[in-house]
């Protein structure tokens, strides 16, 4: 009996397929959320907030469909890999993985059945872009040199650098938290039946 219980905690082939599908959907919604903001060097600072605002329901549904350790980590690794391949600052990829691990542990602490902990998990996960953006305030020269080296236009970088103000860093963090919370609450309402079926409670 203990062996069977142990095995059920592992990700099955079906779980991996389901996770893969949700990763693809999450990527699509991330692109939709970022599409209007990322190309603009001024509006790019609002991009993490926009992405958090549209991805909550997908994230929470993933936890409902695959309530096991590992699904969120896979999502973080794949998204981080995509960020790295597409030329984003390397710390963004690292932050995706780190935040995914923390988010996985947060939701897993209540066996993925607590609505509130799943929402907290999503908020934590949504902070991943700050792994990149914070470097503009920590080491600006290194950040912009890296971006230019990866193919970002100098004019884009110059405008972005001129736009970045000290107050924007904490404002971005707060906006991500608020947007993620709103997105998760909306997702909780829209997918109420799905969560009840999965045994997720407050």
C-alpha atoms as a PDB file:
ATOM      1  CA  UNK A   1       0.000   0.000   0.000  1.00  0.00           C
ATOM      2  CA  UNK A   2       2.807   2.430   0.815  1.00  0.00           C
ATOM      3  CA  UNK A   3       4.464   1.681  -2.523  1.00  0.00           C
ATOM      4  CA  UNK A   4       1.227   2.370  -4.405  1.00  0.00           C
ATOM      5  CA  UNK A   5       0.719   5.671  -2.547  1.00  0.00           C
ATOM      6  CA  UNK A   6       4.292   6.650  -3.291  1.00  0.00           C
ATOM      7  CA  UNK A   7       3.884   5.900  -6.993  1.00  0.00           C
ATOM      8  CA  UNK A   8       0.696   7.961  -7.274  1.00  0.00           C
ATOM      9  CA  UNK A   9       2.630  10.999  -6.122  1.00  0.00           C
ATOM     10  CA  UNK A  10       4.911  10.780  -9.139  1.00  0.00           C
ATOM     11  CA  UNK A  11       4.130  12.426 -12.452  1.00  0.00           C
ATOM     12  CA  UNK A  12       2.700   9.875 -14.875  1.00  0.00           C
ATOM     13  CA  UNK A  13       2.925   9.983 -18.666  1.00  0.00           C
ATOM     14  CA  UNK A  14      -0.602  11.386 -18.691  1.00  0.00           C
ATOM     15  CA  UNK A  15       0.440  14.066 -16.194  1.00  0.00           C
ATOM     16  CA  UNK A  16       3.400  15.029 -18.380  1.00  0.00           C
ATOM     17  CA  UNK A  17       1.192  15.271 -21.467  1.00  0.00           C
ATOM     18  CA  UNK A  18      -1.343  17.400 -19.580  1.00  0.00           C
ATOM     19  CA  UNK A  19       1.448  19.604 -18.240  1.00  0.00           C
ATOM     20  CA  UNK A  20       2.850  20.013 -21.736  1.00  0.00           C
ATOM     21  CA  UNK A  21      -0.518  21.138 -23.058  1.00  0.00           C
ATOM     22  CA  UNK A  22      -0.899  23.677 -20.259  1.00  0.00           C
ATOM     23  CA  UNK A  23       2.648  24.926 -20.843  1.00  0.00           C
ATOM     24  CA  UNK A  24       1.743  25.596 -24.481  1.00  0.00           C
ATOM     25  CA  UNK A  25      -1.445  27.416 -23.479  1.00  0.00           C
ATOM     26  CA  UNK A  26       0.425  29.378 -20.817  1.00  0.00           C
ATOM     27  CA  UNK A  27       2.989  30.439 -23.430  1.00  0.00           C
ATOM     28  CA  UNK A  28       0.234  31.607 -25.788  1.00  0.00           C
ATOM     29  CA  UNK A  29      -1.391  33.718 -23.078  1.00  0.00           C
ATOM     30  CA  UNK A  30       2.000  35.069 -22.053  1.00  0.00           C
ATOM     31  CA  UNK A  31       2.606  36.193 -25.628  1.00  0.00           C
ATOM     32  CA  UNK A  32      -0.862  37.762 -25.750  1.00  0.00           C
ATOM     33  CA  UNK A  33      -0.290  39.592 -22.485  1.00  0.00           C
ATOM     34  CA  UNK A  34       3.167  40.782 -23.486  1.00  0.00           C
ATOM     35  CA  UNK A  35       2.430  41.493 -27.144  1.00  0.00           C
ATOM     36  CA  UNK A  36       1.278  45.084 -26.729  1.00  0.00           C
ATOM     37  CA  UNK A  37       3.855  46.102 -24.104  1.00  0.00           C
ATOM     38  CA  UNK A  38       7.151  44.297 -24.789  1.00  0.00           C
ATOM     39  CA  UNK A  39       7.889  45.893 -28.216  1.00  0.00           C
ATOM     40  CA  UNK A  40       7.701  49.384 -26.688  1.00  0.00           C
ATOM     41  CA  UNK A  41      10.712  50.441 -24.551  1.00  0.00           C
ATOM     42  CA  UNK A  42       8.467  52.600 -22.368  1.00  0.00           C
ATOM     43  CA  UNK A  43       5.502  50.258 -21.989  1.00  0.00           C
ATOM     44  CA  UNK A  44       7.725  47.224 -21.427  1.00  0.00           C
ATOM     45  CA  UNK A  45       7.743  47.989 -17.702  1.00  0.00           C
ATOM     46  CA  UNK A  46       4.007  47.149 -17.604  1.00  0.00           C
ATOM     47  CA  UNK A  47       4.488  43.845 -19.391  1.00  0.00           C
ATOM     48  CA  UNK A  48       4.986  41.625 -16.291  1.00  0.00           C
ATOM     49  CA  UNK A  49       1.769  43.009 -14.810  1.00  0.00           C
ATOM     50  CA  UNK A  50      -0.135  42.341 -18.033  1.00  0.00           C
ATOM     51  CA  UNK A  51       1.116  38.766 -18.245  1.00  0.00           C
ATOM     52  CA  UNK A  52       0.154  38.094 -14.618  1.00  0.00           C
ATOM     53  CA  UNK A  53      -3.305  39.463 -15.345  1.00  0.00           C
ATOM     54  CA  UNK A  54      -4.093  36.940 -18.085  1.00  0.00           C
ATOM     55  CA  UNK A  55      -2.328  33.743 -16.987  1.00  0.00           C
ATOM     56  CA  UNK A  56      -3.914  33.104 -13.593  1.00  0.00           C
ATOM     57  CA  UNK A  57      -6.732  30.798 -14.728  1.00  0.00           C
ATOM     58  CA  UNK A  58      -4.358  28.630 -16.779  1.00  0.00           C
ATOM     59  CA  UNK A  59      -1.924  28.277 -13.894  1.00  0.00           C
ATOM     60  CA  UNK A  60      -4.611  27.379 -11.367  1.00  0.00           C
ATOM     61  CA  UNK A  61      -6.215  24.903 -13.730  1.00  0.00           C
ATOM     62  CA  UNK A  62      -2.832  23.222 -14.182  1.00  0.00           C
ATOM     63  CA  UNK A  63      -2.616  22.748 -10.414  1.00  0.00           C
ATOM     64  CA  UNK A  64      -6.138  21.296 -10.426  1.00  0.00           C
ATOM     65  CA  UNK A  65      -5.428  18.884 -13.261  1.00  0.00           C
ATOM     66  CA  UNK A  66      -1.940  17.870 -12.103  1.00  0.00           C
ATOM     67  CA  UNK A  67      -1.896  18.285  -8.301  1.00  0.00           C
ATOM     68  CA  UNK A  68       1.622  16.940  -7.894  1.00  0.00           C
ATOM     69  CA  UNK A  69       5.107  18.281  -7.323  1.00  0.00           C
ATOM     70  CA  UNK A  70       6.873  18.877 -10.600  1.00  0.00           C
ATOM     71  CA  UNK A  71       4.217  20.286 -12.923  1.00  0.00           C
ATOM     72  CA  UNK A  72       4.885  23.907 -12.010  1.00  0.00           C
ATOM     73  CA  UNK A  73       8.642  23.308 -12.111  1.00  0.00           C
ATOM     74  CA  UNK A  74       8.334  21.937 -15.644  1.00  0.00           C
ATOM     75  CA  UNK A  75       6.359  25.054 -16.594  1.00  0.00           C
ATOM     76  CA  UNK A  76       9.071  27.275 -15.090  1.00  0.00           C
ATOM     77  CA  UNK A  77      11.916  25.407 -16.792  1.00  0.00           C
ATOM     78  CA  UNK A  78      10.264  25.492 -20.213  1.00  0.00           C
ATOM     79  CA  UNK A  79       9.298  29.160 -19.952  1.00  0.00           C
ATOM     80  CA  UNK A  80      12.762  30.040 -18.669  1.00  0.00           C
ATOM     81  CA  UNK A  81      14.353  28.181 -21.575  1.00  0.00           C
ATOM     82  CA  UNK A  82      12.178  30.092 -24.028  1.00  0.00           C
ATOM     83  CA  UNK A  83      13.141  33.400 -22.423  1.00  0.00           C
ATOM     84  CA  UNK A  84      16.820  32.518 -22.697  1.00  0.00           C
ATOM     85  CA  UNK A  85      16.600  31.339 -26.300  1.00  0.00           C
ATOM     86  CA  UNK A  86      14.723  34.483 -27.344  1.00  0.00           C
ATOM     87  CA  UNK A  87      17.493  36.709 -25.981  1.00  0.00           C
ATOM     88  CA  UNK A  88      16.048  37.881 -22.686  1.00  0.00           C
ATOM     89  CA  UNK A  89      18.463  38.656 -19.845  1.00  0.00           C
ATOM     90  CA  UNK A  90      19.777  35.356 -18.468  1.00  0.00           C
ATOM     91  CA  UNK A  91      18.603  36.006 -14.927  1.00  0.00           C
ATOM     92  CA  UNK A  92      15.011  35.918 -16.175  1.00  0.00           C
ATOM     93  CA  UNK A  93      15.470  32.258 -17.079  1.00  0.00           C
ATOM     94  CA  UNK A  94      17.033  31.567 -13.681  1.00  0.00           C
ATOM     95  CA  UNK A  95      14.211  33.410 -11.902  1.00  0.00           C
ATOM     96  CA  UNK A  96      11.611  31.374 -13.787  1.00  0.00           C
ATOM     97  CA  UNK A  97      13.098  28.172 -12.389  1.00  0.00           C
ATOM     98  CA  UNK A  98      13.672  29.507  -8.866  1.00  0.00           C
ATOM     99  CA  UNK A  99      10.181  30.999  -8.588  1.00  0.00           C
ATOM    100  CA  UNK A 100       8.689  27.810 -10.013  1.00  0.00           C
ATOM    101  CA  UNK A 101      10.388  25.720  -7.317  1.00  0.00           C
ATOM    102  CA  UNK A 102       9.189  28.059  -4.552  1.00  0.00           C
ATOM    103  CA  UNK A 103       5.692  28.188  -6.050  1.00  0.00           C
ATOM    104  CA  UNK A 104       5.609  24.394  -6.306  1.00  0.00           C
ATOM    105  CA  UNK A 105       6.578  24.050  -2.654  1.00  0.00           C
ATOM    106  CA  UNK A 106       3.987  26.649  -1.602  1.00  0.00           C
ATOM    107  CA  UNK A 107       1.094  24.910  -3.353  1.00  0.00           C
ATOM    108  CA  UNK A 108       2.418  21.486  -2.373  1.00  0.00           C
ATOM    109  CA  UNK A 109       2.506  22.419   1.299  1.00  0.00           C
ATOM    110  CA  UNK A 110      -1.289  21.975   1.233  1.00  0.00           C
ATOM    111  CA  UNK A 111      -1.136  19.093  -1.261  1.00  0.00           C
ATOM    112  CA  UNK A 112      -2.333  21.450  -4.031  1.00  0.00           C
ATOM    113  CA  UNK A 113      -5.831  21.385  -2.514  1.00  0.00           C
ATOM    114  CA  UNK A 114      -5.865  24.816  -0.876  1.00  0.00           C
ATOM    115  CA  UNK A 115      -7.286  27.567  -3.047  1.00  0.00           C
ATOM    116  CA  UNK A 116      -5.499  30.258  -1.063  1.00  0.00           C
ATOM    117  CA  UNK A 117      -2.115  28.535  -1.241  1.00  0.00           C
ATOM    118  CA  UNK A 118      -2.544  27.900  -4.963  1.00  0.00           C
ATOM    119  CA  UNK A 119      -3.244  31.593  -5.448  1.00  0.00           C
ATOM    120  CA  UNK A 120      -0.154  32.471  -3.390  1.00  0.00           C
ATOM    121  CA  UNK A 121       1.779  30.010  -5.540  1.00  0.00           C
ATOM    122  CA  UNK A 122       0.688  31.851  -8.687  1.00  0.00           C
ATOM    123  CA  UNK A 123       1.642  35.233  -7.224  1.00  0.00           C
ATOM    124  CA  UNK A 124       5.116  33.913  -6.411  1.00  0.00           C
ATOM    125  CA  UNK A 125       5.484  32.401  -9.880  1.00  0.00           C
ATOM    126  CA  UNK A 126       4.360  35.661 -11.531  1.00  0.00           C
ATOM    127  CA  UNK A 127       7.269  37.580 -10.001  1.00  0.00           C
ATOM    128  CA  UNK A 128       9.734  35.797 -12.299  1.00  0.00           C
ATOM    129  CA  UNK A 129      10.242  38.764 -14.707  1.00  0.00           C
ATOM    130  CA  UNK A 130      11.812  40.750 -11.884  1.00  0.00           C
ATOM    131  CA  UNK A 131      14.855  38.506 -12.190  1.00  0.00           C
ATOM    132  CA  UNK A 132      15.571  40.452 -15.355  1.00  0.00           C
ATOM    133  CA  UNK A 133      14.141  43.912 -14.716  1.00  0.00           C
ATOM    134  CA  UNK A 134      15.752  44.369 -11.309  1.00  0.00           C
ATOM    135  CA  UNK A 135      19.166  44.278 -12.947  1.00  0.00           C
ATOM    136  CA  UNK A 136      18.463  47.693 -14.477  1.00  0.00           C
ATOM    137  CA  UNK A 137      18.765  49.090 -10.978  1.00  0.00           C
ATOM    138  CA  UNK A 138      21.428  46.716  -9.643  1.00  0.00           C
ATOM    139  CA  UNK A 139      23.888  46.720 -12.544  1.00  0.00           C
ATOM    140  CA  UNK A 140      22.558  48.857 -15.370  1.00  0.00           C
ATOM    141  CA  UNK A 141      25.664  48.788 -17.583  1.00  0.00           C
ATOM    142  CA  UNK A 142      25.921  45.004 -17.481  1.00  0.00           C
ATOM    143  CA  UNK A 143      22.215  44.601 -18.177  1.00  0.00           C
ATOM    144  CA  UNK A 144      22.074  46.831 -21.227  1.00  0.00           C
ATOM    145  CA  UNK A 145      25.374  45.554 -22.608  1.00  0.00           C
ATOM    146  CA  UNK A 146      23.987  42.032 -22.437  1.00  0.00           C
ATOM    147  CA  UNK A 147      20.747  43.043 -24.150  1.00  0.00           C
ATOM    148  CA  UNK A 148      22.557  44.812 -26.993  1.00  0.00           C
ATOM    149  CA  UNK A 149      24.836  41.812 -27.371  1.00  0.00           C
ATOM    150  CA  UNK A 150      21.753  39.616 -27.758  1.00  0.00           C
ATOM    151  CA  UNK A 151      20.431  41.740 -30.603  1.00  0.00           C
ATOM    152  CA  UNK A 152      18.308  44.398 -28.903  1.00  0.00           C
ATOM    153  CA  UNK A 153      18.447  47.673 -30.825  1.00  0.00           C
ATOM    154  CA  UNK A 154      20.519  50.428 -29.221  1.00  0.00           C
ATOM    155  CA  UNK A 155      17.670  52.921 -29.600  1.00  0.00           C
ATOM    156  CA  UNK A 156      15.345  50.589 -27.668  1.00  0.00           C
ATOM    157  CA  UNK A 157      17.909  50.206 -24.899  1.00  0.00           C
ATOM    158  CA  UNK A 158      18.564  53.958 -24.713  1.00  0.00           C
ATOM    159  CA  UNK A 159      14.858  54.759 -24.364  1.00  0.00           C
ATOM    160  CA  UNK A 160      14.386  52.003 -21.803  1.00  0.00           C
ATOM    161  CA  UNK A 161      17.321  53.275 -19.762  1.00  0.00           C
ATOM    162  CA  UNK A 162      16.037  56.842 -19.863  1.00  0.00           C
ATOM    163  CA  UNK A 163      12.577  55.706 -18.777  1.00  0.00           C
ATOM    164  CA  UNK A 164      13.655  53.577 -15.817  1.00  0.00           C
ATOM    165  CA  UNK A 165      13.166  55.543 -12.586  1.00  0.00           C
ATOM    166  CA  UNK A 166      13.884  54.473  -9.021  1.00  0.00           C
ATOM    167  CA  UNK A 167      10.233  54.266  -7.998  1.00  0.00           C
ATOM    168  CA  UNK A 168       9.382  51.932 -10.852  1.00  0.00           C
ATOM    169  CA  UNK A 169      11.030  48.837  -9.368  1.00  0.00           C
ATOM    170  CA  UNK A 170       8.805  48.602  -6.265  1.00  0.00           C
ATOM    171  CA  UNK A 171       5.842  49.750  -8.358  1.00  0.00           C
ATOM    172  CA  UNK A 172       6.379  46.859 -10.756  1.00  0.00           C
ATOM    173  CA  UNK A 173       6.520  44.346  -7.913  1.00  0.00           C
ATOM    174  CA  UNK A 174       3.330  45.692  -6.330  1.00  0.00           C
ATOM    175  CA  UNK A 175       1.521  45.790  -9.683  1.00  0.00           C
ATOM    176  CA  UNK A 176       2.466  42.174 -10.421  1.00  0.00           C
ATOM    177  CA  UNK A 177       1.172  41.037  -7.024  1.00  0.00           C
ATOM    178  CA  UNK A 178      -2.119  42.907  -7.484  1.00  0.00           C
ATOM    179  CA  UNK A 179      -2.588  41.742 -11.077  1.00  0.00           C
ATOM    180  CA  UNK A 180      -1.792  38.126 -10.173  1.00  0.00           C
ATOM    181  CA  UNK A 181      -4.239  38.241  -7.271  1.00  0.00           C
ATOM    182  CA  UNK A 182      -7.007  39.653  -9.477  1.00  0.00           C
ATOM    183  CA  UNK A 183      -6.296  37.107 -12.202  1.00  0.00           C
ATOM    184  CA  UNK A 184      -6.322  34.231  -9.727  1.00  0.00           C
ATOM    185  CA  UNK A 185      -9.574  35.362  -8.109  1.00  0.00           C
ATOM    186  CA  UNK A 186     -11.234  35.704 -11.513  1.00  0.00           C
ATOM    187  CA  UNK A 187      -9.925  32.274 -12.442  1.00  0.00           C
ATOM    188  CA  UNK A 188     -11.251  30.851  -9.181  1.00  0.00           C
ATOM    189  CA  UNK A 189     -14.729  32.167  -9.980  1.00  0.00           C
ATOM    190  CA  UNK A 190     -14.733  31.144 -13.654  1.00  0.00           C
ATOM    191  CA  UNK A 191     -13.405  27.655 -12.944  1.00  0.00           C
ATOM    192  CA  UNK A 192     -15.277  27.037  -9.702  1.00  0.00           C
ATOM    193  CA  UNK A 193     -16.774  23.722 -10.842  1.00  0.00           C
ATOM    194  CA  UNK A 194     -13.404  22.456 -12.044  1.00  0.00           C
ATOM    195  CA  UNK A 195     -11.780  23.262  -8.714  1.00  0.00           C
ATOM    196  CA  UNK A 196     -14.623  21.698  -6.720  1.00  0.00           C
ATOM    197  CA  UNK A 197     -14.288  18.537  -8.810  1.00  0.00           C
ATOM    198  CA  UNK A 198     -10.554  18.488  -8.037  1.00  0.00           C
ATOM    199  CA  UNK A 199     -11.285  18.797  -4.327  1.00  0.00           C
ATOM    200  CA  UNK A 200      -9.715  22.251  -3.971  1.00  0.00           C
ATOM    201  CA  UNK A 201     -11.008  24.166  -0.966  1.00  0.00           C
ATOM    202  CA  UNK A 202     -10.405  27.592   0.546  1.00  0.00           C
END
